[in-house]
């Protein structure tokens, strides 16, 4: 669960809110855990999950439990490799 939460946080920081509402669920970002924690390349599944949770990023970023993961070098790498940008919340 820690991996999913961390992955979600860094993804939230990268993406801008989407037009349609998504169910905010950090566990949906679990495909990004290897990239976040081990520096592995972001997979297509990870990038897809990030896009689906895009509207939740600011919510995740404002949560003190997740903020440190969002600013991590691996999170920024994932966001960039998925073609996303860091949101301004």
PDB file of N, CA and C in Angstrom:
ATOM      1  N   UNK A   1       0.825  -1.183   0.000  1.00  0.00           N
ATOM      2  CA  UNK A   1       0.000   0.000   0.000  1.00  0.00           C
ATOM      3  C   UNK A   1       0.874   1.253   0.000  1.00  0.00           C
ATOM      4  N   UNK A   2       2.005   1.203   0.705  1.00  0.00           N
ATOM      5  CA  UNK A   2       2.907   2.349   0.744  1.00  0.00           C
ATOM      6  C   UNK A   2       3.402   2.676  -0.656  1.00  0.00           C
ATOM      7  N   UNK A   3       3.663   1.660  -1.432  1.00  0.00           N
ATOM      8  CA  UNK A   3       4.151   1.856  -2.789  1.00  0.00           C
ATOM      9  C   UNK A   3       3.097   2.557  -3.630  1.00  0.00           C
ATOM     10  N   UNK A   4       1.862   2.125  -3.518  1.00  0.00           N
ATOM     11  CA  UNK A   4       0.781   2.733  -4.291  1.00  0.00           C
ATOM     12  C   UNK A   4       0.578   4.191  -3.900  1.00  0.00           C
ATOM     13  N   UNK A   5       0.659   4.471  -2.632  1.00  0.00           N
ATOM     14  CA  UNK A   5       0.478   5.830  -2.133  1.00  0.00           C
ATOM     15  C   UNK A   5       1.593   6.724  -2.648  1.00  0.00           C
ATOM     16  N   UNK A   6       2.791   6.251  -2.592  1.00  0.00           N
ATOM     17  CA  UNK A   6       3.936   7.040  -3.048  1.00  0.00           C
ATOM     18  C   UNK A   6       3.846   7.310  -4.538  1.00  0.00           C
ATOM     19  N   UNK A   7       3.496   6.292  -5.266  1.00  0.00           N
ATOM     20  CA  UNK A   7       3.380   6.444  -6.709  1.00  0.00           C
ATOM     21  C   UNK A   7       2.298   7.455  -7.050  1.00  0.00           C
ATOM     22  N   UNK A   8       1.222   7.394  -6.329  1.00  0.00           N
ATOM     23  CA  UNK A   8       0.117   8.310  -6.580  1.00  0.00           C
ATOM     24  C   UNK A   8       0.525   9.749  -6.326  1.00  0.00           C
ATOM     25  N   UNK A   9       1.268   9.950  -5.283  1.00  0.00           N
ATOM     26  CA  UNK A   9       1.672  11.304  -4.929  1.00  0.00           C
ATOM     27  C   UNK A   9       2.531  11.948  -5.991  1.00  0.00           C
ATOM     28  N   UNK A  10       3.509  11.236  -6.470  1.00  0.00           N
ATOM     29  CA  UNK A  10       4.373  11.844  -7.457  1.00  0.00           C
ATOM     30  C   UNK A  10       3.655  12.044  -8.756  1.00  0.00           C
ATOM     31  N   UNK A  11       2.737  11.211  -9.057  1.00  0.00           N
ATOM     32  CA  UNK A  11       1.976  11.367 -10.273  1.00  0.00           C
ATOM     33  C   UNK A  11       1.045  12.557 -10.201  1.00  0.00           C
ATOM     34  N   UNK A  12       0.515  12.786  -9.051  1.00  0.00           N
ATOM     35  CA  UNK A  12      -0.388  13.910  -8.869  1.00  0.00           C
ATOM     36  C   UNK A  12       0.322  15.230  -9.086  1.00  0.00           C
ATOM     37  N   UNK A  13       1.523  15.308  -8.647  1.00  0.00           N
ATOM     38  CA  UNK A  13       2.275  16.541  -8.777  1.00  0.00           C
ATOM     39  C   UNK A  13       2.566  16.867 -10.229  1.00  0.00           C
ATOM     40  N   UNK A  14       2.648  15.856 -11.041  1.00  0.00           N
ATOM     41  CA  UNK A  14       3.032  16.027 -12.437  1.00  0.00           C
ATOM     42  C   UNK A  14       1.874  16.411 -13.329  1.00  0.00           C
ATOM     43  N   UNK A  15       0.712  15.945 -13.016  1.00  0.00           N
ATOM     44  CA  UNK A  15      -0.408  16.106 -13.922  1.00  0.00           C
ATOM     45  C   UNK A  15      -1.288  17.292 -13.551  1.00  0.00           C
ATOM     46  N   UNK A  16      -1.951  17.824 -14.559  1.00  0.00           N
ATOM     47  CA  UNK A  16      -2.912  18.893 -14.343  1.00  0.00           C
ATOM     48  C   UNK A  16      -4.296  18.281 -14.240  1.00  0.00           C
ATOM     49  N   UNK A  17      -5.212  18.952 -13.593  1.00  0.00           N
ATOM     50  CA  UNK A  17      -6.549  18.381 -13.445  1.00  0.00           C
ATOM     51  C   UNK A  17      -7.213  18.111 -14.787  1.00  0.00           C
ATOM     52  N   UNK A  18      -7.870  16.985 -14.898  1.00  0.00           N
ATOM     53  CA  UNK A  18      -8.573  16.601 -16.120  1.00  0.00           C
ATOM     54  C   UNK A  18      -9.991  17.158 -16.086  1.00  0.00           C
ATOM     55  N   UNK A  19     -10.614  17.207 -17.232  1.00  0.00           N
ATOM     56  CA  UNK A  19     -11.959  17.757 -17.324  1.00  0.00           C
ATOM     57  C   UNK A  19     -12.988  16.871 -16.640  1.00  0.00           C
ATOM     58  N   UNK A  20     -12.845  15.578 -16.767  1.00  0.00           N
ATOM     59  CA  UNK A  20     -13.824  14.688 -16.156  1.00  0.00           C
ATOM     60  C   UNK A  20     -13.342  14.242 -14.780  1.00  0.00           C
ATOM     61  N   UNK A  21     -14.295  14.047 -13.894  1.00  0.00           N
ATOM     62  CA  UNK A  21     -13.960  13.644 -12.532  1.00  0.00           C
ATOM     63  C   UNK A  21     -13.585  12.170 -12.488  1.00  0.00           C
ATOM     64  N   UNK A  22     -12.588  11.857 -11.715  1.00  0.00           N
ATOM     65  CA  UNK A  22     -12.155  10.479 -11.528  1.00  0.00           C
ATOM     66  C   UNK A  22     -12.363  10.129 -10.067  1.00  0.00           C
ATOM     67  N   UNK A  23     -12.479   8.850  -9.803  1.00  0.00           N
ATOM     68  CA  UNK A  23     -12.532   8.402  -8.425  1.00  0.00           C
ATOM     69  C   UNK A  23     -11.100   8.416  -7.922  1.00  0.00           C
ATOM     70  N   UNK A  24     -10.825   9.225  -6.934  1.00  0.00           N
ATOM     71  CA  UNK A  24      -9.461   9.357  -6.429  1.00  0.00           C
ATOM     72  C   UNK A  24      -9.114   8.160  -5.556  1.00  0.00           C
ATOM     73  N   UNK A  25      -8.195   7.361  -6.037  1.00  0.00           N
ATOM     74  CA  UNK A  25      -7.794   6.130  -5.365  1.00  0.00           C
ATOM     75  C   UNK A  25      -6.317   5.896  -5.646  1.00  0.00           C
ATOM     76  N   UNK A  26      -5.484   6.164  -4.658  1.00  0.00           N
ATOM     77  CA  UNK A  26      -4.037   6.029  -4.835  1.00  0.00           C
ATOM     78  C   UNK A  26      -3.616   4.632  -5.258  1.00  0.00           C
ATOM     79  N   UNK A  27      -4.374   3.637  -4.866  1.00  0.00           N
ATOM     80  CA  UNK A  27      -4.000   2.268  -5.225  1.00  0.00           C
ATOM     81  C   UNK A  27      -4.027   2.058  -6.734  1.00  0.00           C
ATOM     82  N   UNK A  28      -4.738   2.929  -7.448  1.00  0.00           N
ATOM     83  CA  UNK A  28      -4.779   2.825  -8.903  1.00  0.00           C
ATOM     84  C   UNK A  28      -3.433   3.196  -9.531  1.00  0.00           C
ATOM     85  N   UNK A  29      -2.567   3.797  -8.753  1.00  0.00           N
ATOM     86  CA  UNK A  29      -1.251   4.192  -9.256  1.00  0.00           C
ATOM     87  C   UNK A  29      -0.175   3.154  -8.956  1.00  0.00           C
ATOM     88  N   UNK A  30      -0.574   2.014  -8.460  1.00  0.00           N
ATOM     89  CA  UNK A  30       0.398   0.972  -8.113  1.00  0.00           C
ATOM     90  C   UNK A  30       1.281   0.533  -9.282  1.00  0.00           C
ATOM     91  N   UNK A  31       0.823   0.621 -10.545  1.00  0.00           N
ATOM     92  CA  UNK A  31       1.728   0.256 -11.642  1.00  0.00           C
ATOM     93  C   UNK A  31       2.974   1.147 -11.714  1.00  0.00           C
ATOM     94  N   UNK A  32       2.947   2.272 -11.027  1.00  0.00           N
ATOM     95  CA  UNK A  32       4.087   3.197 -11.045  1.00  0.00           C
ATOM     96  C   UNK A  32       5.072   2.957  -9.904  1.00  0.00           C
ATOM     97  N   UNK A  33       4.750   2.064  -9.002  1.00  0.00           N
ATOM     98  CA  UNK A  33       5.604   1.834  -7.832  1.00  0.00           C
ATOM     99  C   UNK A  33       7.043   1.469  -8.194  1.00  0.00           C
ATOM    100  N   UNK A  34       7.274   0.550  -9.143  1.00  0.00           N
ATOM    101  CA  UNK A  34       8.671   0.219  -9.465  1.00  0.00           C
ATOM    102  C   UNK A  34       9.463   1.434  -9.963  1.00  0.00           C
ATOM    103  N   UNK A  35       8.815   2.275 -10.731  1.00  0.00           N
ATOM    104  CA  UNK A  35       9.488   3.475 -11.231  1.00  0.00           C
ATOM    105  C   UNK A  35       9.745   4.468 -10.104  1.00  0.00           C
ATOM    106  N   UNK A  36       8.807   4.601  -9.206  1.00  0.00           N
ATOM    107  CA  UNK A  36       8.938   5.558  -8.112  1.00  0.00           C
ATOM    108  C   UNK A  36       9.987   5.132  -7.099  1.00  0.00           C
ATOM    109  N   UNK A  37       9.947   3.882  -6.701  1.00  0.00           N
ATOM    110  CA  UNK A  37      10.823   3.420  -5.626  1.00  0.00           C
ATOM    111  C   UNK A  37      12.156   2.847  -6.079  1.00  0.00           C
ATOM    112  N   UNK A  38      12.206   2.336  -7.291  1.00  0.00           N
ATOM    113  CA  UNK A  38      13.433   1.690  -7.763  1.00  0.00           C
ATOM    114  C   UNK A  38      14.073   2.389  -8.952  1.00  0.00           C
ATOM    115  N   UNK A  39      13.450   3.434  -9.454  1.00  0.00           N
ATOM    116  CA  UNK A  39      14.008   4.153 -10.588  1.00  0.00           C
ATOM    117  C   UNK A  39      13.827   3.447 -11.912  1.00  0.00           C
ATOM    118  N   UNK A  40      12.947   2.444 -11.962  1.00  0.00           N
ATOM    119  CA  UNK A  40      12.678   1.735 -13.212  1.00  0.00           C
ATOM    120  C   UNK A  40      11.982   2.682 -14.187  1.00  0.00           C
ATOM    121  N   UNK A  41      11.981   2.311 -15.449  1.00  0.00           N
ATOM    122  CA  UNK A  41      11.284   3.113 -16.451  1.00  0.00           C
ATOM    123  C   UNK A  41       9.778   3.031 -16.218  1.00  0.00           C
ATOM    124  N   UNK A  42       9.083   4.119 -16.478  1.00  0.00           N
ATOM    125  CA  UNK A  42       7.623   4.128 -16.365  1.00  0.00           C
ATOM    126  C   UNK A  42       7.049   3.276 -17.490  1.00  0.00           C
ATOM    127  N   UNK A  43       6.131   2.401 -17.140  1.00  0.00           N
ATOM    128  CA  UNK A  43       5.494   1.530 -18.128  1.00  0.00           C
ATOM    129  C   UNK A  43       4.272   2.224 -18.730  1.00  0.00           C
ATOM    130  N   UNK A  44       3.751   1.651 -19.808  1.00  0.00           N
ATOM    131  CA  UNK A  44       2.531   2.172 -20.422  1.00  0.00           C
ATOM    132  C   UNK A  44       1.384   2.121 -19.419  1.00  0.00           C
ATOM    133  N   UNK A  45       1.348   1.069 -18.619  1.00  0.00           N
ATOM    134  CA  UNK A  45       0.309   0.929 -17.597  1.00  0.00           C
ATOM    135  C   UNK A  45       0.425   2.038 -16.554  1.00  0.00           C
ATOM    136  N   UNK A  46       1.632   2.365 -16.174  1.00  0.00           N
ATOM    137  CA  UNK A  46       1.864   3.451 -15.218  1.00  0.00           C
ATOM    138  C   UNK A  46       1.355   4.768 -15.796  1.00  0.00           C
ATOM    139  N   UNK A  47       1.739   5.072 -17.010  1.00  0.00           N
ATOM    140  CA  UNK A  47       1.330   6.330 -17.636  1.00  0.00           C
ATOM    141  C   UNK A  47      -0.185   6.404 -17.801  1.00  0.00           C
ATOM    142  N   UNK A  48      -0.792   5.295 -18.157  1.00  0.00           N
ATOM    143  CA  UNK A  48      -2.247   5.243 -18.292  1.00  0.00           C
ATOM    144  C   UNK A  48      -2.923   5.505 -16.951  1.00  0.00           C
ATOM    145  N   UNK A  49      -2.381   4.907 -15.904  1.00  0.00           N
ATOM    146  CA  UNK A  49      -2.928   5.107 -14.559  1.00  0.00           C
ATOM    147  C   UNK A  49      -2.788   6.563 -14.124  1.00  0.00           C
ATOM    148  N   UNK A  50      -1.669   7.163 -14.447  1.00  0.00           N
ATOM    149  CA  UNK A  50      -1.458   8.572 -14.109  1.00  0.00           C
ATOM    150  C   UNK A  50      -2.482   9.462 -14.794  1.00  0.00           C
ATOM    151  N   UNK A  51      -2.705   9.195 -16.071  1.00  0.00           N
ATOM    152  CA  UNK A  51      -3.674  10.002 -16.810  1.00  0.00           C
ATOM    153  C   UNK A  51      -5.077   9.849 -16.227  1.00  0.00           C
ATOM    154  N   UNK A  52      -5.432   8.636 -15.824  1.00  0.00           N
ATOM    155  CA  UNK A  52      -6.760   8.380 -15.259  1.00  0.00           C
ATOM    156  C   UNK A  52      -6.955   9.079 -13.916  1.00  0.00           C
ATOM    157  N   UNK A  53      -5.880   9.277 -13.178  1.00  0.00           N
ATOM    158  CA  UNK A  53      -5.951   9.910 -11.855  1.00  0.00           C
ATOM    159  C   UNK A  53      -5.568  11.390 -11.905  1.00  0.00           C
ATOM    160  N   UNK A  54      -5.393  11.913 -13.074  1.00  0.00           N
ATOM    161  CA  UNK A  54      -4.911  13.280 -13.251  1.00  0.00           C
ATOM    162  C   UNK A  54      -5.731  14.308 -12.477  1.00  0.00           C
ATOM    163  N   UNK A  55      -7.037  14.180 -12.453  1.00  0.00           N
ATOM    164  CA  UNK A  55      -7.870  15.170 -11.767  1.00  0.00           C
ATOM    165  C   UNK A  55      -7.713  15.121 -10.246  1.00  0.00           C
ATOM    166  N   UNK A  56      -7.031  14.112  -9.746  1.00  0.00           N
ATOM    167  CA  UNK A  56      -6.839  13.941  -8.297  1.00  0.00           C
ATOM    168  C   UNK A  56      -5.481  14.441  -7.817  1.00  0.00           C
ATOM    169  N   UNK A  57      -4.604  14.813  -8.711  1.00  0.00           N
ATOM    170  CA  UNK A  57      -3.229  15.157  -8.351  1.00  0.00           C
ATOM    171  C   UNK A  57      -3.113  16.250  -7.298  1.00  0.00           C
ATOM    172  N   UNK A  58      -3.852  17.317  -7.451  1.00  0.00           N
ATOM    173  CA  UNK A  58      -3.743  18.400  -6.468  1.00  0.00           C
ATOM    174  C   UNK A  58      -4.225  17.936  -5.104  1.00  0.00           C
ATOM    175  N   UNK A  59      -5.264  17.129  -5.100  1.00  0.00           N
ATOM    176  CA  UNK A  59      -5.761  16.584  -3.832  1.00  0.00           C
ATOM    177  C   UNK A  59      -4.666  15.769  -3.158  1.00  0.00           C
ATOM    178  N   UNK A  60      -4.003  14.930  -3.917  1.00  0.00           N
ATOM    179  CA  UNK A  60      -2.920  14.113  -3.371  1.00  0.00           C
ATOM    180  C   UNK A  60      -1.742  14.985  -2.941  1.00  0.00           C
ATOM    181  N   UNK A  61      -1.406  15.966  -3.755  1.00  0.00           N
ATOM    182  CA  UNK A  61      -0.252  16.828  -3.481  1.00  0.00           C
ATOM    183  C   UNK A  61      -0.426  17.645  -2.204  1.00  0.00           C
ATOM    184  N   UNK A  62      -1.640  17.975  -1.871  1.00  0.00           N
ATOM    185  CA  UNK A  62      -1.909  18.776  -0.673  1.00  0.00           C
ATOM    186  C   UNK A  62      -1.943  17.937   0.598  1.00  0.00           C
ATOM    187  N   UNK A  63      -1.887  16.641   0.446  1.00  0.00           N
ATOM    188  CA  UNK A  63      -1.898  15.745   1.604  1.00  0.00           C
ATOM    189  C   UNK A  63      -0.468  15.618   2.133  1.00  0.00           C
ATOM    190  N   UNK A  64      -0.213  16.044   3.367  1.00  0.00           N
ATOM    191  CA  UNK A  64       1.146  15.993   3.924  1.00  0.00           C
ATOM    192  C   UNK A  64       1.771  14.596   3.902  1.00  0.00           C
ATOM    193  N   UNK A  65       0.962  13.572   3.925  1.00  0.00           N
ATOM    194  CA  UNK A  65       1.491  12.207   3.909  1.00  0.00           C
ATOM    195  C   UNK A  65       2.106  11.851   2.563  1.00  0.00           C
ATOM    196  N   UNK A  66       1.720  12.555   1.512  1.00  0.00           N
ATOM    197  CA  UNK A  66       2.186  12.213   0.172  1.00  0.00           C
ATOM    198  C   UNK A  66       3.089  13.255  -0.474  1.00  0.00           C
ATOM    199  N   UNK A  67       3.103  14.455   0.048  1.00  0.00           N
ATOM    200  CA  UNK A  67       3.811  15.569  -0.589  1.00  0.00           C
ATOM    201  C   UNK A  67       5.278  15.273  -0.881  1.00  0.00           C
ATOM    202  N   UNK A  68       5.963  14.596   0.014  1.00  0.00           N
ATOM    203  CA  UNK A  68       7.399  14.357  -0.199  1.00  0.00           C
ATOM    204  C   UNK A  68       7.666  13.445  -1.388  1.00  0.00           C
ATOM    205  N   UNK A  69       6.729  12.579  -1.706  1.00  0.00           N
ATOM    206  CA  UNK A  69       6.919  11.676  -2.834  1.00  0.00           C
ATOM    207  C   UNK A  69       6.746  12.403  -4.157  1.00  0.00           C
ATOM    208  N   UNK A  70       5.885  13.373  -4.156  1.00  0.00           N
ATOM    209  CA  UNK A  70       5.603  14.125  -5.372  1.00  0.00           C
ATOM    210  C   UNK A  70       6.814  14.917  -5.833  1.00  0.00           C
ATOM    211  N   UNK A  71       7.588  15.399  -4.909  1.00  0.00           N
ATOM    212  CA  UNK A  71       8.754  16.210  -5.263  1.00  0.00           C
ATOM    213  C   UNK A  71      10.023  15.386  -5.455  1.00  0.00           C
ATOM    214  N   UNK A  72       9.910  14.080  -5.374  1.00  0.00           N
ATOM    215  CA  UNK A  72      11.098  13.234  -5.516  1.00  0.00           C
ATOM    216  C   UNK A  72      11.605  13.228  -6.959  1.00  0.00           C
ATOM    217  N   UNK A  73      12.902  13.023  -7.148  1.00  0.00           N
ATOM    218  CA  UNK A  73      13.467  12.963  -8.496  1.00  0.00           C
ATOM    219  C   UNK A  73      12.819  11.865  -9.353  1.00  0.00           C
ATOM    220  N   UNK A  74      12.529  10.722  -8.762  1.00  0.00           N
ATOM    221  CA  UNK A  74      11.906   9.645  -9.535  1.00  0.00           C
ATOM    222  C   UNK A  74      10.503  10.027  -9.990  1.00  0.00           C
ATOM    223  N   UNK A  75       9.768  10.740  -9.165  1.00  0.00           N
ATOM    224  CA  UNK A  75       8.417  11.170  -9.538  1.00  0.00           C
ATOM    225  C   UNK A  75       8.477  12.112 -10.732  1.00  0.00           C
ATOM    226  N   UNK A  76       9.392  13.037 -10.695  1.00  0.00           N
ATOM    227  CA  UNK A  76       9.535  13.985 -11.810  1.00  0.00           C
ATOM    228  C   UNK A  76       9.952  13.264 -13.082  1.00  0.00           C
ATOM    229  N   UNK A  77      10.780  12.263 -12.936  1.00  0.00           N
ATOM    230  CA  UNK A  77      11.214  11.473 -14.089  1.00  0.00           C
ATOM    231  C   UNK A  77      10.024  10.735 -14.704  1.00  0.00           C
ATOM    232  N   UNK A  78       9.183  10.168 -13.856  1.00  0.00           N
ATOM    233  CA  UNK A  78       8.004   9.440 -14.327  1.00  0.00           C
ATOM    234  C   UNK A  78       7.061  10.385 -15.061  1.00  0.00           C
ATOM    235  N   UNK A  79       6.802  11.501 -14.465  1.00  0.00           N
ATOM    236  CA  UNK A  79       5.893  12.476 -15.055  1.00  0.00           C
ATOM    237  C   UNK A  79       6.386  12.902 -16.428  1.00  0.00           C
ATOM    238  N   UNK A  80       7.647  13.208 -16.510  1.00  0.00           N
ATOM    239  CA  UNK A  80       8.239  13.633 -17.773  1.00  0.00           C
ATOM    240  C   UNK A  80       8.177  12.531 -18.821  1.00  0.00           C
ATOM    241  N   UNK A  81       8.512  11.315 -18.431  1.00  0.00           N
ATOM    242  CA  UNK A  81       8.530  10.216 -19.396  1.00  0.00           C
ATOM    243  C   UNK A  81       7.132   9.848 -19.876  1.00  0.00           C
ATOM    244  N   UNK A  82       6.110  10.199 -19.101  1.00  0.00           N
ATOM    245  CA  UNK A  82       4.721   9.940 -19.505  1.00  0.00           C
ATOM    246  C   UNK A  82       4.139  11.111 -20.304  1.00  0.00           C
ATOM    247  N   UNK A  83       4.945  12.135 -20.521  1.00  0.00           N
ATOM    248  CA  UNK A  83       4.494  13.277 -21.305  1.00  0.00           C
ATOM    249  C   UNK A  83       3.535  14.194 -20.563  1.00  0.00           C
ATOM    250  N   UNK A  84       3.614  14.194 -19.246  1.00  0.00           N
ATOM    251  CA  UNK A  84       2.736  15.017 -18.420  1.00  0.00           C
ATOM    252  C   UNK A  84       3.523  16.182 -17.831  1.00  0.00           C
ATOM    253  N   UNK A  85       2.804  17.134 -17.262  1.00  0.00           N
ATOM    254  CA  UNK A  85       3.476  18.262 -16.624  1.00  0.00           C
ATOM    255  C   UNK A  85       3.001  18.392 -15.185  1.00  0.00           C
ATOM    256  N   UNK A  86       3.814  19.025 -14.380  1.00  0.00           N
ATOM    257  CA  UNK A  86       3.506  19.216 -12.963  1.00  0.00           C
ATOM    258  C   UNK A  86       2.381  20.240 -12.840  1.00  0.00           C
ATOM    259  N   UNK A  87       1.332  19.903 -12.079  1.00  0.00           N
ATOM    260  CA  UNK A  87       0.207  20.834 -11.943  1.00  0.00           C
ATOM    261  C   UNK A  87       0.528  21.993 -11.006  1.00  0.00           C
ATOM    262  N   UNK A  88      -0.173  23.071 -11.195  1.00  0.00           N
ATOM    263  CA  UNK A  88      -0.092  24.213 -10.279  1.00  0.00           C
ATOM    264  C   UNK A  88      -1.391  24.198  -9.492  1.00  0.00           C
ATOM    265  N   UNK A  89      -1.271  23.863  -8.234  1.00  0.00           N
ATOM    266  CA  UNK A  89      -2.469  23.702  -7.398  1.00  0.00           C
ATOM    267  C   UNK A  89      -2.757  24.944  -6.573  1.00  0.00           C
TER     268      UNK A  89
END
